C-alpha atoms as a PDB file:
ATOM      1  CA  MET A   1      -6.306  12.855 -15.843  1.00  0.00           C
ATOM      2  CA  SER A   2      -7.745  13.252 -19.314  1.00  0.00           C
ATOM      3  CA  ALA A   3      -7.534   9.502 -19.904  1.00  0.00           C
ATOM      4  CA  LEU A   4      -9.446   8.798 -16.682  1.00  0.00           C
ATOM      5  CA  THR A   5     -12.134  11.295 -17.664  1.00  0.00           C
ATOM      6  CA  VAL A   6     -12.547   9.753 -21.109  1.00  0.00           C
ATOM      7  CA  ALA A   7     -12.752   6.277 -19.552  1.00  0.00           C
ATOM      8  CA  TRP A   8     -15.364   7.424 -17.027  1.00  0.00           C
ATOM      9  CA  ILE A   9     -17.634   9.142 -19.557  1.00  0.00           C
ATOM     10  CA  TYR A  10     -17.278   6.208 -21.963  1.00  0.00           C
ATOM     11  CA  ASP A  11     -18.230   3.793 -19.190  1.00  0.00           C
ATOM     12  CA  SER A  12     -21.171   5.993 -18.197  1.00  0.00           C
ATOM     13  CA  VAL A  13     -22.799   6.710 -21.541  1.00  0.00           C
ATOM     14  CA  ALA A  14     -21.351   4.364 -24.165  1.00  0.00           C
ATOM     15  CA  TYR A  15     -20.226   0.933 -23.048  1.00  0.00           C
ATOM     16  CA  ARG A  16     -19.474  -0.509 -19.633  1.00  0.00           C
ATOM     17  CA  ILE A  17     -15.756  -1.142 -19.394  1.00  0.00           C
ATOM     18  CA  PRO A  18     -15.061  -4.718 -18.187  1.00  0.00           C
ATOM     19  CA  ARG A  19     -14.147  -4.620 -14.508  1.00  0.00           C
ATOM     20  CA  LYS A  20     -11.458  -7.223 -15.088  1.00  0.00           C
ATOM     21  CA  PHE A  21      -9.725  -4.756 -17.381  1.00  0.00           C
ATOM     22  CA  ILE A  22      -9.916  -2.039 -14.707  1.00  0.00           C
ATOM     23  CA  VAL A  23      -8.396  -4.391 -12.115  1.00  0.00           C
ATOM     24  CA  ALA A  24      -5.620  -5.336 -14.541  1.00  0.00           C
ATOM     25  CA  ALA A  25      -4.919  -1.656 -15.234  1.00  0.00           C
ATOM     26  CA  ALA A  26      -4.778  -0.944 -11.494  1.00  0.00           C
ATOM     27  CA  ILE A  27      -2.254  -3.747 -10.956  1.00  0.00           C
ATOM     28  CA  ALA A  28      -0.177  -2.471 -13.869  1.00  0.00           C
ATOM     29  CA  GLY A  29      -0.299   0.994 -12.296  1.00  0.00           C
ATOM     30  CA  LEU A  30       1.034  -0.337  -8.983  1.00  0.00           C
ATOM     31  CA  ILE A  31       3.917  -2.017 -10.787  1.00  0.00           C
ATOM     32  CA  MET A  32       4.644   1.148 -12.753  1.00  0.00           C
ATOM     33  CA  PHE A  33       4.696   3.328  -9.628  1.00  0.00           C
ATOM     34  CA  SER A  34       7.030   0.821  -7.982  1.00  0.00           C
ATOM     35  CA  LEU A  35       9.373   0.927 -10.962  1.00  0.00           C
ATOM     36  CA  ILE A  36       9.369   4.724 -10.952  1.00  0.00           C
ATOM     37  CA  ARG A  37      10.305   4.755  -7.266  1.00  0.00           C
ATOM     38  CA  GLU A  38      13.183   2.315  -7.780  1.00  0.00           C
ATOM     39  CA  THR A  39      14.639   4.083 -10.814  1.00  0.00           C
ATOM     40  CA  ARG A  40      14.082   7.717  -9.839  1.00  0.00           C
ATOM     41  CA  GLY A  41      17.480   8.019  -8.178  1.00  0.00           C
ATOM     42  CA  THR A  42      19.516   6.140 -10.756  1.00  0.00           C
ATOM     43  CA  GLY A  43      21.727   7.722 -13.385  1.00  0.00           C
ATOM     44  CA  ALA A  44      20.203   8.872 -16.649  1.00  0.00           C
ATOM     45  CA  ARG A  45      22.028   6.267 -18.733  1.00  0.00           C
ATOM     46  CA  TRP A  46      20.516   3.459 -16.651  1.00  0.00           C
ATOM     47  CA  ARG A  47      17.047   4.906 -17.035  1.00  0.00           C
ATOM     48  CA  LEU A  48      17.367   4.450 -20.768  1.00  0.00           C
ATOM     49  CA  SER A  49      18.525   0.836 -20.449  1.00  0.00           C
ATOM     50  CA  LEU A  50      15.749  -1.700 -20.991  1.00  0.00           C
ATOM     51  CA  ASP A  51      17.829  -4.487 -19.399  1.00  0.00           C
ATOM     52  CA  GLN A  52      18.307  -2.414 -16.256  1.00  0.00           C
ATOM     53  CA  GLN A  53      14.585  -1.646 -16.093  1.00  0.00           C
ATOM     54  CA  ILE A  54      13.716  -5.334 -16.403  1.00  0.00           C
ATOM     55  CA  GLU A  55      16.255  -6.275 -13.749  1.00  0.00           C
ATOM     56  CA  THR A  56      14.896  -3.633 -11.378  1.00  0.00           C
ATOM     57  CA  LEU A  57      11.354  -4.810 -11.995  1.00  0.00           C
ATOM     58  CA  SER A  58      12.255  -8.450 -11.350  1.00  0.00           C
ATOM     59  CA  ASN A  59      13.875  -7.538  -8.027  1.00  0.00           C
ATOM     60  CA  LEU A  60      10.888  -5.672  -6.624  1.00  0.00           C
ATOM     61  CA  GLN A  61      10.096  -7.166  -3.246  1.00  0.00           C
ATOM     62  CA  ASP A  62       6.707  -5.622  -2.510  1.00  0.00           C
ATOM     63  CA  PRO A  63       5.181  -3.547  -5.336  1.00  0.00           C
ATOM     64  CA  ILE A  64       2.265  -2.437  -3.164  1.00  0.00           C
ATOM     65  CA  SER A  65       4.387  -0.885  -0.413  1.00  0.00           C
ATOM     66  CA  THR A  66       6.818   0.707  -2.870  1.00  0.00           C
ATOM     67  CA  ALA A  67       3.913   2.142  -4.898  1.00  0.00           C
ATOM     68  CA  ILE A  68       2.385   3.598  -1.745  1.00  0.00           C
ATOM     69  CA  GLY A  69       5.806   4.968  -0.810  1.00  0.00           C
ATOM     70  CA  GLU A  70       6.073   6.663  -4.202  1.00  0.00           C
ATOM     71  CA  MET A  71       2.613   8.195  -4.037  1.00  0.00           C
ATOM     72  CA  GLY A  72       2.981   8.940  -0.334  1.00  0.00           C
ATOM     73  CA  TYR A  73       5.399  11.779  -1.082  1.00  0.00           C
ATOM     74  CA  SER A  74       2.256  13.861  -1.553  1.00  0.00           C
ATOM     75  CA  PHE A  75       2.037  13.994   2.247  1.00  0.00           C
ATOM     76  CA  VAL A  76       5.287  15.967   2.496  1.00  0.00           C
ATOM     77  CA  THR A  77       3.538  19.316   1.965  1.00  0.00           C
ATOM     78  CA  VAL A  78       0.994  18.421   4.653  1.00  0.00           C
ATOM     79  CA  ALA A  79       3.752  17.573   7.146  1.00  0.00           C
ATOM     80  CA  HIS A  80       5.627  20.796   6.391  1.00  0.00           C
ATOM     81  CA  THR A  81       2.452  22.874   6.733  1.00  0.00           C
ATOM     82  CA  ILE A  82       1.594  21.331  10.100  1.00  0.00           C
ATOM     83  CA  ALA A  83       5.134  22.100  11.296  1.00  0.00           C
ATOM     84  CA  LEU A  84       5.095  25.703  10.049  1.00  0.00           C
ATOM     85  CA  VAL A  85       1.564  26.766  10.985  1.00  0.00           C
ATOM     86  CA  PRO A  86       1.074  28.588  13.284  1.00  0.00           C
ATOM     87  CA  ALA A  87       4.724  28.533  14.436  1.00  0.00           C
ATOM     88  CA  VAL A  88       6.035  30.419  11.384  1.00  0.00           C
ATOM     89  CA  ARG A  89       2.859  31.532   9.627  1.00  0.00           C
ATOM     90  CA  ASP A  90      -0.503  32.333  11.208  1.00  0.00           C
ATOM     91  CA  TYR A  91      -3.695  30.579  10.183  1.00  0.00           C
ATOM     92  CA  ASP A  92      -5.188  32.082   7.037  1.00  0.00           C
ATOM     93  CA  LEU A  93      -8.770  31.843   8.336  1.00  0.00           C
ATOM     94  CA  GLY A  94     -10.187  31.491   4.835  1.00  0.00           C
ATOM     95  CA  THR A  95      -7.964  34.084   3.147  1.00  0.00           C
ATOM     96  CA  SER A  96      -6.449  31.633   0.638  1.00  0.00           C
ATOM     97  CA  TYR A  97      -9.929  30.517  -0.417  1.00  0.00           C
ATOM     98  CA  LEU A  98     -11.054  34.119  -0.761  1.00  0.00           C
ATOM     99  CA  TYR A  99      -8.140  34.948  -3.049  1.00  0.00           C
ATOM    100  CA  ALA A 100      -8.723  31.696  -4.924  1.00  0.00           C
ATOM    101  CA  THR A 101     -12.141  32.993  -5.965  1.00  0.00           C
ATOM    102  CA  THR A 102     -10.463  36.001  -7.580  1.00  0.00           C
ATOM    103  CA  ALA A 103      -8.951  33.575 -10.096  1.00  0.00           C
ATOM    104  CA  ILE A 104     -12.405  33.479 -11.697  1.00  0.00           C
ATOM    105  CA  VAL A 105     -11.791  37.008 -12.943  1.00  0.00           C
ATOM    106  CA  PRO A 106      -9.343  36.992 -15.888  1.00  0.00           C
ATOM    107  CA  ASN A 107      -6.401  39.369 -16.066  1.00  0.00           C
ATOM    108  CA  LEU A 108      -8.032  42.718 -16.895  1.00  0.00           C
ATOM    109  CA  GLY A 109      -4.864  44.704 -17.418  1.00  0.00           C
ATOM    110  CA  TRP A 110      -3.320  44.856 -13.981  1.00  0.00           C
ATOM    111  CA  GLU A 111       0.363  44.008 -13.918  1.00  0.00           C
ATOM    112  CA  VAL A 112      -0.071  41.080 -11.517  1.00  0.00           C
ATOM    113  CA  HIS A 113      -3.327  39.248 -10.877  1.00  0.00           C
ATOM    114  CA  PRO A 114      -4.526  39.745  -7.245  1.00  0.00           C
ATOM    115  CA  GLY A 115      -4.408  36.016  -6.581  1.00  0.00           C
ATOM    116  CA  ILE A 116      -0.798  35.841  -7.749  1.00  0.00           C
ATOM    117  CA  ALA A 117       0.133  39.052  -5.941  1.00  0.00           C
ATOM    118  CA  HIS A 118      -1.153  37.585  -2.684  1.00  0.00           C
ATOM    119  CA  GLY A 119       1.017  34.534  -3.288  1.00  0.00           C
ATOM    120  CA  LEU A 120       0.264  30.906  -4.035  1.00  0.00           C
ATOM    121  CA  LEU A 121       0.637  28.414  -1.217  1.00  0.00           C
ATOM    122  CA  CYS A 122       2.732  26.088  -3.373  1.00  0.00           C
ATOM    123  CA  ASP A 123       5.247  28.911  -3.876  1.00  0.00           C
ATOM    124  CA  TRP A 124       5.273  29.717  -0.170  1.00  0.00           C
ATOM    125  CA  ILE A 125       5.966  26.161   0.979  1.00  0.00           C
ATOM    126  CA  THR A 126       8.706  25.633  -1.617  1.00  0.00           C
ATOM    127  CA  LYS A 127      10.498  28.888  -0.810  1.00  0.00           C
ATOM    128  CA  THR A 128      10.281  28.149   2.906  1.00  0.00           C
ATOM    129  CA  VAL A 129      11.504  24.541   3.051  1.00  0.00           C
ATOM    130  CA  GLU A 130      13.327  24.102  -0.274  1.00  0.00           C
ATOM    131  CA  PRO A 131      14.737  27.518  -1.278  1.00  0.00           C
ATOM    132  CA  MET A 132      17.244  25.949  -3.687  1.00  0.00           C
ATOM    133  CA  VAL A 133      14.431  24.137  -5.501  1.00  0.00           C
ATOM    134  CA  ALA A 134      12.432  27.366  -5.645  1.00  0.00           C
ATOM    135  CA  ALA A 135      15.421  29.303  -6.988  1.00  0.00           C
ATOM    136  CA  SER A 136      15.829  26.783  -9.808  1.00  0.00           C
ATOM    137  CA  GLY A 137      12.171  27.091 -10.789  1.00  0.00           C
ATOM    138  CA  GLY A 138      11.030  23.856  -9.159  1.00  0.00           C
ATOM    139  CA  GLY A 139       8.232  23.264  -6.697  1.00  0.00           C
ATOM    140  CA  LEU A 140       6.768  20.846  -4.177  1.00  0.00           C
ATOM    141  CA  GLY A 141       3.165  21.449  -5.128  1.00  0.00           C
ATOM    142  CA  PHE A 142       0.681  21.617  -2.283  1.00  0.00           C
ATOM    143  CA  SER A 143      -2.327  19.704  -0.953  1.00  0.00           C
ATOM    144  CA  PHE A 144      -6.013  20.357  -0.367  1.00  0.00           C
ATOM    145  CA  ILE A 145      -5.515  18.822   3.096  1.00  0.00           C
ATOM    146  CA  ALA A 146      -2.647  21.189   3.874  1.00  0.00           C
ATOM    147  CA  GLU A 147      -4.689  24.170   2.681  1.00  0.00           C
ATOM    148  CA  ALA A 148      -7.608  23.238   4.935  1.00  0.00           C
ATOM    149  CA  PHE A 149      -5.288  22.932   7.937  1.00  0.00           C
ATOM    150  CA  LEU A 150      -3.503  26.191   7.095  1.00  0.00           C
ATOM    151  CA  ASN A 151      -6.843  28.008   7.099  1.00  0.00           C
ATOM    152  CA  PHE A 152      -8.816  26.404   9.929  1.00  0.00           C
ATOM    153  CA  GLY A 153      -6.491  24.223  11.996  1.00  0.00           C
ATOM    154  CA  TRP A 154      -7.066  20.780  13.483  1.00  0.00           C
ATOM    155  CA  PHE A 155     -10.733  21.285  14.307  1.00  0.00           C
ATOM    156  CA  GLY A 156     -12.023  23.499  11.510  1.00  0.00           C
ATOM    157  CA  GLY A 157      -9.981  21.824   8.777  1.00  0.00           C
ATOM    158  CA  PRO A 158     -11.790  18.458   8.848  1.00  0.00           C
ATOM    159  CA  LEU A 159     -15.175  20.223   9.062  1.00  0.00           C
ATOM    160  CA  TRP A 160     -14.323  22.320   6.032  1.00  0.00           C
ATOM    161  CA  LEU A 161     -13.114  19.298   4.066  1.00  0.00           C
ATOM    162  CA  GLY A 162     -16.346  17.489   4.923  1.00  0.00           C
ATOM    163  CA  PHE A 163     -18.363  20.428   3.570  1.00  0.00           C
ATOM    164  CA  VAL A 164     -16.268  20.631   0.403  1.00  0.00           C
ATOM    165  CA  GLY A 165     -16.571  16.861  -0.056  1.00  0.00           C
ATOM    166  CA  TYR A 166     -20.351  17.157   0.249  1.00  0.00           C
ATOM    167  CA  LEU A 167     -20.436  19.836  -2.467  1.00  0.00           C
ATOM    168  CA  PHE A 168     -18.251  17.780  -4.800  1.00  0.00           C
ATOM    169  CA  THR A 169     -20.422  14.722  -4.243  1.00  0.00           C
ATOM    170  CA  ARG A 170     -23.549  16.711  -5.064  1.00  0.00           C
ATOM    171  CA  LEU A 171     -21.862  17.887  -8.255  1.00  0.00           C
ATOM    172  CA  PHE A 172     -20.751  14.423  -9.332  1.00  0.00           C
ATOM    173  CA  LEU A 173     -24.210  12.971  -8.661  1.00  0.00           C
ATOM    174  CA  GLN A 174     -25.537  15.235 -11.402  1.00  0.00           C
ATOM    175  CA  ALA A 175     -24.017  12.827 -13.901  1.00  0.00           C
ATOM    176  CA  ASP A 176     -26.423  10.107 -12.715  1.00  0.00           C
ATOM    177  CA  SER A 177     -29.397  12.053 -14.074  1.00  0.00           C
ATOM    178  CA  GLY A 178     -28.704  10.955 -17.649  1.00  0.00           C
ATOM    179  CA  ASP A 179     -28.735  14.572 -18.841  1.00  0.00           C
ATOM    180  CA  PRO A 180     -25.922  14.908 -21.442  1.00  0.00           C
ATOM    181  CA  ALA A 181     -25.292  18.523 -20.407  1.00  0.00           C
ATOM    182  CA  LYS A 182     -24.815  17.557 -16.754  1.00  0.00           C
ATOM    183  CA  GLN A 183     -22.602  14.644 -17.743  1.00  0.00           C
ATOM    184  CA  ALA A 184     -20.479  17.043 -19.801  1.00  0.00           C
ATOM    185  CA  LEU A 185     -20.356  19.411 -16.826  1.00  0.00           C
ATOM    186  CA  VAL A 186     -19.001  16.693 -14.538  1.00  0.00           C
ATOM    187  CA  ALA A 187     -16.607  15.302 -17.162  1.00  0.00           C
ATOM    188  CA  SER A 188     -15.183  18.758 -17.900  1.00  0.00           C
ATOM    189  CA  PHE A 189     -14.610  19.388 -14.209  1.00  0.00           C
ATOM    190  CA  LEU A 190     -13.162  15.929 -13.585  1.00  0.00           C
ATOM    191  CA  SER A 191     -10.615  16.386 -16.386  1.00  0.00           C
ATOM    192  CA  PHE A 192      -8.607  18.829 -14.268  1.00  0.00           C
ATOM    193  CA  PHE A 193      -9.984  18.363 -10.749  1.00  0.00           C
ATOM    194  CA  LEU A 194      -7.762  15.402  -9.817  1.00  0.00           C
ATOM    195  CA  VAL A 195      -4.716  17.684  -9.618  1.00  0.00           C
ATOM    196  CA  PHE A 196      -6.377  19.155  -6.496  1.00  0.00           C
ATOM    197  CA  ALA A 197      -4.793  16.292  -4.539  1.00  0.00           C
ATOM    198  CA  ARG A 198      -1.378  17.893  -5.155  1.00  0.00           C
ATOM    199  CA  GLY A 199      -2.545  21.493  -5.535  1.00  0.00           C
ATOM    200  CA  GLU A 200      -4.675  24.199  -3.959  1.00  0.00           C
ATOM    201  CA  SER A 201      -8.050  25.810  -4.564  1.00  0.00           C
ATOM    202  CA  ALA A 202      -6.556  28.631  -6.632  1.00  0.00           C
ATOM    203  CA  ILE A 203      -5.719  26.227  -9.469  1.00  0.00           C
ATOM    204  CA  VAL A 204      -9.157  24.612  -9.770  1.00  0.00           C
ATOM    205  CA  VAL A 205     -11.644  27.449  -9.206  1.00  0.00           C
ATOM    206  CA  ARG A 206     -11.155  29.118 -12.588  1.00  0.00           C
ATOM    207  CA  GLY A 207     -11.421  25.813 -14.433  1.00  0.00           C
ATOM    208  CA  LEU A 208     -14.622  24.927 -12.592  1.00  0.00           C
ATOM    209  CA  VAL A 209     -16.293  28.182 -13.578  1.00  0.00           C
ATOM    210  CA  TRP A 210     -14.939  28.815 -17.087  1.00  0.00           C
ATOM    211  CA  TYR A 211     -14.575  25.275 -18.409  1.00  0.00           C
ATOM    212  CA  ALA A 212     -17.520  23.566 -16.691  1.00  0.00           C
ATOM    213  CA  VAL A 213     -20.180  25.835 -15.161  1.00  0.00           C
ATOM    214  CA  ILE A 214     -20.326  28.578 -17.812  1.00  0.00           C
ATOM    215  CA  PRO A 215     -20.547  26.125 -20.776  1.00  0.00           C
ATOM    216  CA  TYR A 216     -23.243  24.197 -18.901  1.00  0.00           C
ATOM    217  CA  LEU A 217     -25.261  27.367 -18.232  1.00  0.00           C
ATOM    218  CA  ALA A 218     -24.875  28.403 -21.874  1.00  0.00           C
ATOM    219  CA  ALA A 219     -26.160  24.986 -23.003  1.00  0.00           C
ATOM    220  CA  ALA A 220     -29.072  25.271 -20.565  1.00  0.00           C
ATOM    221  CA  VAL A 221     -30.028  28.716 -21.876  1.00  0.00           C
ATOM    222  CA  ILE A 222     -29.854  27.560 -25.504  1.00  0.00           C
ATOM    223  CA  THR A 223     -31.909  24.448 -24.745  1.00  0.00           C
ATOM    224  CA  THR A 224     -34.529  26.446 -22.858  1.00  0.00           C
ATOM    225  CA  GLY A 225     -34.784  28.910 -25.737  1.00  0.00           C
ATOM    226  CA  GLN A 226     -35.246  26.127 -28.261  1.00  0.00           C
ATOM    227  CA  ARG A 227     -37.956  24.469 -26.168  1.00  0.00           C
ATOM    228  CA  TRP A 228     -39.724  27.793 -25.772  1.00  0.00           C
ATOM    229  CA  ARG A 229     -39.717  28.406 -29.516  1.00  0.00           C
ATOM    230  CA  LEU A 230     -40.963  24.879 -30.201  1.00  0.00           C
ATOM    231  CA  GLY A 231     -43.737  25.416 -27.652  1.00  0.00           C
ATOM    232  CA  GLU A 232     -44.850  28.550 -29.472  1.00  0.00           C
ATOM    233  CA  ARG A 233     -45.218  26.575 -32.680  1.00  0.00           C
END
């Protein structure tokens, strides 16, 4: 995620990255995802063998479909959520988003942060469908799509995602203004926002406020103060 952010800000303000290079990198990414899918289930000693990796790569039949299959595992949490809600768990009706906003407030001395005490959705889904994985400290992650469905169902979920998408688009368009502070705001947010595809709102809200919005507001206040002092002179 950090590499993508650096590439984006470099392309935006420094030098336009050749599109041929981006296409080549995308093709290399598809091949890499395909290789990961084919070797994930092999023994550890074969994973360390270069000859075995080359042989696996040469035998790939369709790198596009295998890459999509590898990345498509992200949909597992969505499928589980649709199966469990409301059969096992009622709709949250915005509760998870409400508790996600509490993540903005740092731990002020309470034993367990309210957002954690309420329970993260990624922990809930793992404990429910993969208790052995949860017991060993593992997790399935979650999904912004699954969270929208869990809160508002088939009808409200898409409407909510459309509203959230509109807000994100408005934020990202700030980078087109040419203002370095706004570009830094978007770049800071983008550096951790992409994990939202496999996460939930509780893991991105604090970063948005503390690592992007507050530094931007501080820069705006300092800049305004400097301009005001220069105007007095």
